[in-house]
Amino acid sequence: MQLETLIDPALLEGLSEFERKEALAAAEAAKRAEERAEQRAIERALRQKELERQQFEKPWQKTHSNNKINGGRVVYVPKQKRKQQTAIKDEPTELVKKQPQSEPVESSLLSRTSTAGSDLTQKQHAVIKDTYLGVKDDSLNQEMEAKQKQQRGSKKRTMFKFQWDDTDDTFETDDPLYATPVFVKPQSFQSKKVKLLENEVANRESAMQKPLSQMTNRDWRILRENYEIHVRGGQAPPPLRSFEEASPGLPSIHPLLIKALFDVMRFKEPSPIQRQAIPVGLQRRDMIGIAETGSGKTVAFGVPLCHYLMQLPTAVLQRVAEEGPLALVLAPTRELAVQIDGEFRKLLSLTPNLITCPIVGGQAIQQQAQQVRKGVHIVVGTPGRINDCIEMAYLVLNQCCYVVLDEADRMVDMGFLPQVQSILDSMGGMLKSADDELRAYQQEQEDLQNQNAVARYRITAMFSATMPPEVEKIAKAYLRYPAVVSIGDQRSGKNSRIVQELVWLASPALKEKALMQQISNLRFLYEKVIVFVNEKKHAEYVGRIVERAGRQVVVLHGGKTQEQREESLATFRRGGVVMVATDVAGRGLDVPDVAHVINYDLPSRSIENYTHRIGRTGRAGKEGLATSLITEEDTGIMAALKAYLESTGNKVPERLARHPAANGTDHGDLIL
């Protein structure tokens, strides 16, 4: 039978091929279900009749011919029961009539089946034979086997294997995620990450290239983040984007200073500390600058100071011989003071009417006093010599209203705190309000509006790599609501660009051999190298060790005269020389391109000395290497050294990490 005969052809018109197949499959399934229902109904009727027959058929009704079935036994049946059974046997049934017991079982069943006559189909006859006689019709067997194979095949095909065409996917239109697959696009997350990075780069570039009038607070914040600039204190101005461009609300740097920065000092752009410190200085605010060594702090405070002097009228500049200098810079060591004086001379090279003078120890104080009497505008010196000149009336600070404390923490370490306080107390100018920040800000604005006169209120700037408690006391006493500018690590300006290595020695006697190996390293054969020792007598001895290694050497310590020290520094700056020095060279010396610093002796007092020693390398954003020779005699600094190595991202040697002195114990005893 064709499948099309199972359903009205008119119903199939207008359907797609797929819908047509589905309709025919449904009709075929309905036809099969109907046939199975009819077959089950016939089987139930036959089983019911068989149960009724078995209910009245008893063993005693069997004849002697059936003794084989009963095991050869003769069963006695009462006469009354035999009559009842005979009456039931003679009574005809609807489908089956009982046959005499003498007939064979097979013929009896066939005769009962034949009474149904034409009412049973051939298939029903085959089912009856299979049920009661165990005889199966071949055609029925073939049909049943084919049906079982079809069922087994269909079960295999449908077990988690849907053999559909690609066009038969109905899930695509039901699920919106498949209809619009936004989140299953390949590399979508990677593309988002790249897009965010591109936006960040674009924001940074726009913060540098956007017109000044269009800059927003967000742009200034991005600019500070780019250069790791951190500012605390209200009313801080935005950072500089370039030397030529003025910060909003502030005057631009004097053109002669800009020309000197580019042509004489060969600057291309401001360093991070210069970007923020120069606008604060131009605002005439008190400031605390915290940055690592070699970050350009001299120019950061030198440009605002020189700009302040260049705004003053000629009459004021000509009174310095009688009234004293207009600005003062204090440094902890002679070398640093002379170096700062040299930087000021470069800044003022195009302004010959402004004079700077170094006043340091090691030179005749009378000669320095004579130069001051001639008239100088900027004095750069050490606290001890400056204080001596004031006490001897060689120097007066009546109109000095601008003061800079460079390396303030080092001055405190060297015991110059009383001299610094005495100098600050003898200066001219009034301190701004200490009780009202708004009033202090208004006083700054008053001086800004009258730039052609000496400032009425003192301007104090303090720069340091660290902020110990003594330095904070100075800041509280002499600074008024300062802007605190820090670069990089906000805690102490850690030298994170310097690779720090430790060479552990079993005995101090092995230091000489270890130093020879470090000095003979071909990597630094033609580079500038500094070797630090703790005492003057060791400096000369170590210098001879370096000479035996075949290197040119200069020795620098406090026992040298000023001329000898300046000559040694000049030789070292030319390059290819090893300098052996005490801590006198550990602070403030800005010698470019020092490739290697070696601590022959580790500092015995504090980690600050170690910090400033290794700070002689890795300056101006360059990489550097610091090697320290350590023995069991250096237990006093082990704990601080371990913490410093961890804070700067350097590897802590396993021996130092496990040492009792580096873990809060002293010779195995817990320190409470």
Foldseek 3Di string as FASTA:
>chain_A
DDLCVLDPVVVVPPDDPVVNVVVSVVSVVVVVVVVVVVVVVLVVVVVVVVVVVVVLDDPQLADQVCCVVVVVDHDDDDPVVVVVSVVVLCDQDDQFHADRNVDDPVVRVVVSNCVCPPVDDPVSVQVVCCVPVVDHDPVVVVVVVVVVVVVVVVVVCPPPHDPDDPVPPPVCVVDVCNVPVPPPDPCPVVVVVVVVVVVLVVLQVCLLVPDLVPDDPVSLVSPCVVQQKDKDFPPFFGFDSFLQDDTPPFDHFDPLLVCLVCPVVNDDGAFSLLRRLQNQLRLLAAEEEAAFPQRPVLCSNLRSVVSLVVLADPVVQVCCLPANAQEEEADAAQQLLVVSLVVNCSSCVVPVSAAEDEFEPLDDLVVRLVVSNVGHHYYGYYLVRVLVCVVVVSGAAANHQEYEYEAVVVCVVVPSLVSVVVVLVRHHAAAFDQPDLVRSSVLSVVCSVVSHDRRRHHRYYYYHQACDPSNVVVCSVRHHRHMYIYGDPPHGNAPLQEAEAEDEDADLVCLLVVVLVVCLPPVCQFFEEEEEDADPVVLVVVQVSSVVSVFAEQEDEPVDRPVSNVVRVVVRLVTSYYYYYYLSPLPNDARPGHAEYEYSDDDQPECVSVSSRQSNPCHPPRHHYYYYYDYPVNLNCLLVVVVSCVVSVYDDDPVSVPDQSNVQADPPHHDD
